[in-house]
Amino acid sequence: MHIQPTIQIESQIQYLESESDPSASRYVFAYTITIRNRGTEAARLLSRHWVITDADGKAQEVRGAGVIGETPRIAPGGAFRYTSATQIATPVGSMGGEYLMRTDGGDLFEAPIPPFTLAIPRILH
């Protein structure tokens, strides 16, 4: 029996004012994700699934292989960090989803990405 790695996912969000155009309902956010392997077995990130929702409830689903063109292998105690961006039509929204991962032993599992808020500065208290 294999022990599923304990994957911890943290997010940091930044509003990209210079790339946004509120008059055209375009709000761009960068997000930096840190994926930590707190378990005892290495795991490779195979694919991602995001659900990005704006304040009007419009959801976009994004699926794809790896992240930023990579399928990182994260050793026990190790971490992988990357930055990407998304665009929504409202000043506030949210993102969440999961990564499909495979242990070195061949077991597939999903690592949930805790939902986080996308919001332009000073809009939420």
C-alpha atoms as a PDB file:
ATOM      1  CA  MET A   1       0.000   0.000   0.000  1.00  0.00           C
ATOM      2  CA  HIS A   2       1.326   3.414  -0.956  1.00  0.00           C
ATOM      3  CA  ILE A   3       0.961   6.453   1.267  1.00  0.00           C
ATOM      4  CA  GLN A   4      -0.434   9.452  -0.614  1.00  0.00           C
ATOM      5  CA  PRO A   5       1.881  12.437  -0.328  1.00  0.00           C
ATOM      6  CA  THR A   6       0.571  15.334   1.691  1.00  0.00           C
ATOM      7  CA  ILE A   7       0.528  18.212  -0.765  1.00  0.00           C
ATOM      8  CA  GLN A   8       0.131  21.752   0.579  1.00  0.00           C
ATOM      9  CA  ILE A   9      -0.773  24.509  -1.880  1.00  0.00           C
ATOM     10  CA  GLU A  10      -0.380  28.218  -1.126  1.00  0.00           C
ATOM     11  CA  SER A  11      -1.326  31.160  -3.331  1.00  0.00           C
ATOM     12  CA  GLN A  12      -0.335  34.813  -3.588  1.00  0.00           C
ATOM     13  CA  ILE A  13      -2.332  37.142  -5.829  1.00  0.00           C
ATOM     14  CA  GLN A  14      -1.420  40.465  -7.424  1.00  0.00           C
ATOM     15  CA  TYR A  15      -3.674  42.760  -9.464  1.00  0.00           C
ATOM     16  CA  LEU A  16      -1.944  43.779 -12.700  1.00  0.00           C
ATOM     17  CA  GLU A  17      -3.262  47.291 -13.138  1.00  0.00           C
ATOM     18  CA  SER A  18      -1.040  48.013 -16.158  1.00  0.00           C
ATOM     19  CA  GLU A  19      -2.527  45.050 -18.079  1.00  0.00           C
ATOM     20  CA  SER A  20      -6.121  45.642 -16.997  1.00  0.00           C
ATOM     21  CA  ASP A  21      -8.743  47.853 -18.643  1.00  0.00           C
ATOM     22  CA  PRO A  22     -11.768  48.347 -16.367  1.00  0.00           C
ATOM     23  CA  SER A  23     -13.613  50.335 -19.085  1.00  0.00           C
ATOM     24  CA  ALA A  24     -13.491  47.147 -21.200  1.00  0.00           C
ATOM     25  CA  SER A  25     -14.364  44.865 -18.247  1.00  0.00           C
ATOM     26  CA  ARG A  26     -10.863  43.389 -18.252  1.00  0.00           C
ATOM     27  CA  TYR A  27      -9.197  42.709 -14.918  1.00  0.00           C
ATOM     28  CA  VAL A  28      -5.891  40.828 -14.985  1.00  0.00           C
ATOM     29  CA  PHE A  29      -4.391  39.078 -11.968  1.00  0.00           C
ATOM     30  CA  ALA A  30      -1.073  37.308 -11.478  1.00  0.00           C
ATOM     31  CA  TYR A  31      -1.018  34.393  -9.086  1.00  0.00           C
ATOM     32  CA  THR A  32       1.999  32.686  -7.598  1.00  0.00           C
ATOM     33  CA  ILE A  33       1.430  29.119  -6.488  1.00  0.00           C
ATOM     34  CA  THR A  34       3.724  27.228  -4.119  1.00  0.00           C
ATOM     35  CA  ILE A  35       3.221  23.452  -4.046  1.00  0.00           C
ATOM     36  CA  ARG A  36       4.900  21.734  -1.082  1.00  0.00           C
ATOM     37  CA  ASN A  37       5.280  17.998  -0.643  1.00  0.00           C
ATOM     38  CA  ARG A  38       4.851  17.332   3.086  1.00  0.00           C
ATOM     39  CA  GLY A  39       4.708  13.572   2.536  1.00  0.00           C
ATOM     40  CA  THR A  40       7.292  10.810   2.331  1.00  0.00           C
ATOM     41  CA  GLU A  41       6.999   9.940  -1.385  1.00  0.00           C
ATOM     42  CA  ALA A  42       7.879  12.100  -4.386  1.00  0.00           C
ATOM     43  CA  ALA A  43       5.089  13.097  -6.754  1.00  0.00           C
ATOM     44  CA  ARG A  44       4.920  14.536 -10.270  1.00  0.00           C
ATOM     45  CA  LEU A  45       2.331  17.149 -11.255  1.00  0.00           C
ATOM     46  CA  LEU A  46       0.688  15.841 -14.436  1.00  0.00           C
ATOM     47  CA  SER A  47      -2.171  18.261 -15.125  1.00  0.00           C
ATOM     48  CA  ARG A  48      -4.199  21.148 -13.783  1.00  0.00           C
ATOM     49  CA  HIS A  49      -7.888  21.952 -13.566  1.00  0.00           C
ATOM     50  CA  TRP A  50      -8.973  25.471 -12.626  1.00  0.00           C
ATOM     51  CA  VAL A  51     -12.420  26.950 -12.167  1.00  0.00           C
ATOM     52  CA  ILE A  52     -12.231  30.753 -12.434  1.00  0.00           C
ATOM     53  CA  THR A  53     -15.431  32.580 -11.473  1.00  0.00           C
ATOM     54  CA  ASP A  54     -16.181  36.298 -11.767  1.00  0.00           C
ATOM     55  CA  ALA A  55     -18.566  38.327  -9.582  1.00  0.00           C
ATOM     56  CA  ASP A  56     -21.400  37.760 -12.073  1.00  0.00           C
ATOM     57  CA  GLY A  57     -21.081  34.007 -11.528  1.00  0.00           C
ATOM     58  CA  LYS A  58     -19.584  33.368 -14.976  1.00  0.00           C
ATOM     59  CA  ALA A  59     -17.198  30.422 -14.658  1.00  0.00           C
ATOM     60  CA  GLN A  60     -14.306  29.499 -16.947  1.00  0.00           C
ATOM     61  CA  GLU A  61     -12.777  26.046 -16.720  1.00  0.00           C
ATOM     62  CA  VAL A  62      -9.134  25.610 -17.636  1.00  0.00           C
ATOM     63  CA  ARG A  63      -7.577  22.176 -18.062  1.00  0.00           C
ATOM     64  CA  GLY A  64      -4.144  21.357 -19.327  1.00  0.00           C
ATOM     65  CA  ALA A  65      -0.972  19.356 -18.981  1.00  0.00           C
ATOM     66  CA  GLY A  66       1.412  20.483 -16.251  1.00  0.00           C
ATOM     67  CA  VAL A  67       1.891  24.116 -15.300  1.00  0.00           C
ATOM     68  CA  ILE A  68       3.796  26.781 -17.267  1.00  0.00           C
ATOM     69  CA  GLY A  69       4.969  24.083 -19.669  1.00  0.00           C
ATOM     70  CA  GLU A  70       6.443  21.886 -16.938  1.00  0.00           C
ATOM     71  CA  THR A  71       5.458  18.687 -15.128  1.00  0.00           C
ATOM     72  CA  PRO A  72       7.540  19.133 -11.979  1.00  0.00           C
ATOM     73  CA  ARG A  73       8.541  16.237  -9.738  1.00  0.00           C
ATOM     74  CA  ILE A  74       8.393  17.353  -6.132  1.00  0.00           C
ATOM     75  CA  ALA A  75      10.538  15.394  -3.702  1.00  0.00           C
ATOM     76  CA  PRO A  76       9.484  14.813  -0.087  1.00  0.00           C
ATOM     77  CA  GLY A  77      10.127  18.059   1.790  1.00  0.00           C
ATOM     78  CA  GLY A  78      10.528  19.885  -1.530  1.00  0.00           C
ATOM     79  CA  ALA A  79       8.507  22.624  -3.184  1.00  0.00           C
ATOM     80  CA  PHE A  80       7.773  24.009  -6.628  1.00  0.00           C
ATOM     81  CA  ARG A  81       6.733  27.632  -7.215  1.00  0.00           C
ATOM     82  CA  TYR A  82       5.415  29.220 -10.384  1.00  0.00           C
ATOM     83  CA  THR A  83       3.614  32.375 -11.479  1.00  0.00           C
ATOM     84  CA  SER A  84       0.870  32.648 -14.064  1.00  0.00           C
ATOM     85  CA  ALA A  85      -2.010  35.023 -14.776  1.00  0.00           C
ATOM     86  CA  THR A  86      -5.723  35.083 -15.457  1.00  0.00           C
ATOM     87  CA  GLN A  87      -8.279  37.585 -16.651  1.00  0.00           C
ATOM     88  CA  ILE A  88     -11.874  38.116 -15.497  1.00  0.00           C
ATOM     89  CA  ALA A  89     -14.607  40.592 -16.452  1.00  0.00           C
ATOM     90  CA  THR A  90     -15.317  41.925 -12.939  1.00  0.00           C
ATOM     91  CA  PRO A  91     -13.130  43.564 -10.245  1.00  0.00           C
ATOM     92  CA  VAL A  92     -13.671  40.571  -7.920  1.00  0.00           C
ATOM     93  CA  GLY A  93     -13.670  36.842  -8.551  1.00  0.00           C
ATOM     94  CA  SER A  94     -12.241  33.571  -7.334  1.00  0.00           C
ATOM     95  CA  MET A  95     -10.144  30.610  -8.467  1.00  0.00           C
ATOM     96  CA  GLY A  96      -9.778  27.062  -7.260  1.00  0.00           C
ATOM     97  CA  GLY A  97      -9.337  23.578  -8.618  1.00  0.00           C
ATOM     98  CA  GLU A  98      -6.969  20.638  -8.399  1.00  0.00           C
ATOM     99  CA  TYR A  99      -3.754  19.193  -9.713  1.00  0.00           C
ATOM    100  CA  LEU A 100      -3.600  15.593 -10.912  1.00  0.00           C
ATOM    101  CA  MET A 101      -0.426  14.056  -9.537  1.00  0.00           C
ATOM    102  CA  ARG A 102       1.323  10.696  -9.648  1.00  0.00           C
ATOM    103  CA  THR A 103       3.593   9.258  -6.989  1.00  0.00           C
ATOM    104  CA  ASP A 104       6.886   7.637  -7.950  1.00  0.00           C
ATOM    105  CA  GLY A 105       5.117   4.370  -7.070  1.00  0.00           C
ATOM    106  CA  GLY A 106       2.545   5.024  -9.817  1.00  0.00           C
ATOM    107  CA  ASP A 107      -0.467   6.028  -7.710  1.00  0.00           C
ATOM    108  CA  LEU A 108      -2.610   8.835  -9.164  1.00  0.00           C
ATOM    109  CA  PHE A 109      -4.251  11.351  -6.839  1.00  0.00           C
ATOM    110  CA  GLU A 110      -5.787  14.815  -6.911  1.00  0.00           C
ATOM    111  CA  ALA A 111      -4.288  17.619  -4.840  1.00  0.00           C
ATOM    112  CA  PRO A 112      -7.027  20.201  -4.200  1.00  0.00           C
ATOM    113  CA  ILE A 113      -6.138  23.851  -4.772  1.00  0.00           C
ATOM    114  CA  PRO A 114      -7.875  25.842  -2.025  1.00  0.00           C
ATOM    115  CA  PRO A 115     -10.057  28.587  -3.552  1.00  0.00           C
ATOM    116  CA  PHE A 116      -8.639  32.093  -3.399  1.00  0.00           C
ATOM    117  CA  THR A 117     -10.053  35.536  -4.113  1.00  0.00           C
ATOM    118  CA  LEU A 118      -9.125  37.745  -7.038  1.00  0.00           C
ATOM    119  CA  ALA A 119      -9.840  41.378  -6.126  1.00  0.00           C
ATOM    120  CA  ILE A 120      -8.537  44.770  -7.144  1.00  0.00           C
ATOM    121  CA  PRO A 121      -6.922  46.639  -4.220  1.00  0.00           C
ATOM    122  CA  ARG A 122      -9.183  48.373  -1.727  1.00  0.00           C
ATOM    123  CA  ILE A 123     -12.410  46.836  -3.102  1.00  0.00           C
ATOM    124  CA  LEU A 124     -12.824  44.317  -0.268  1.00  0.00           C
ATOM    125  CA  HIS A 125     -12.500  45.171   3.401  1.00  0.00           C
END
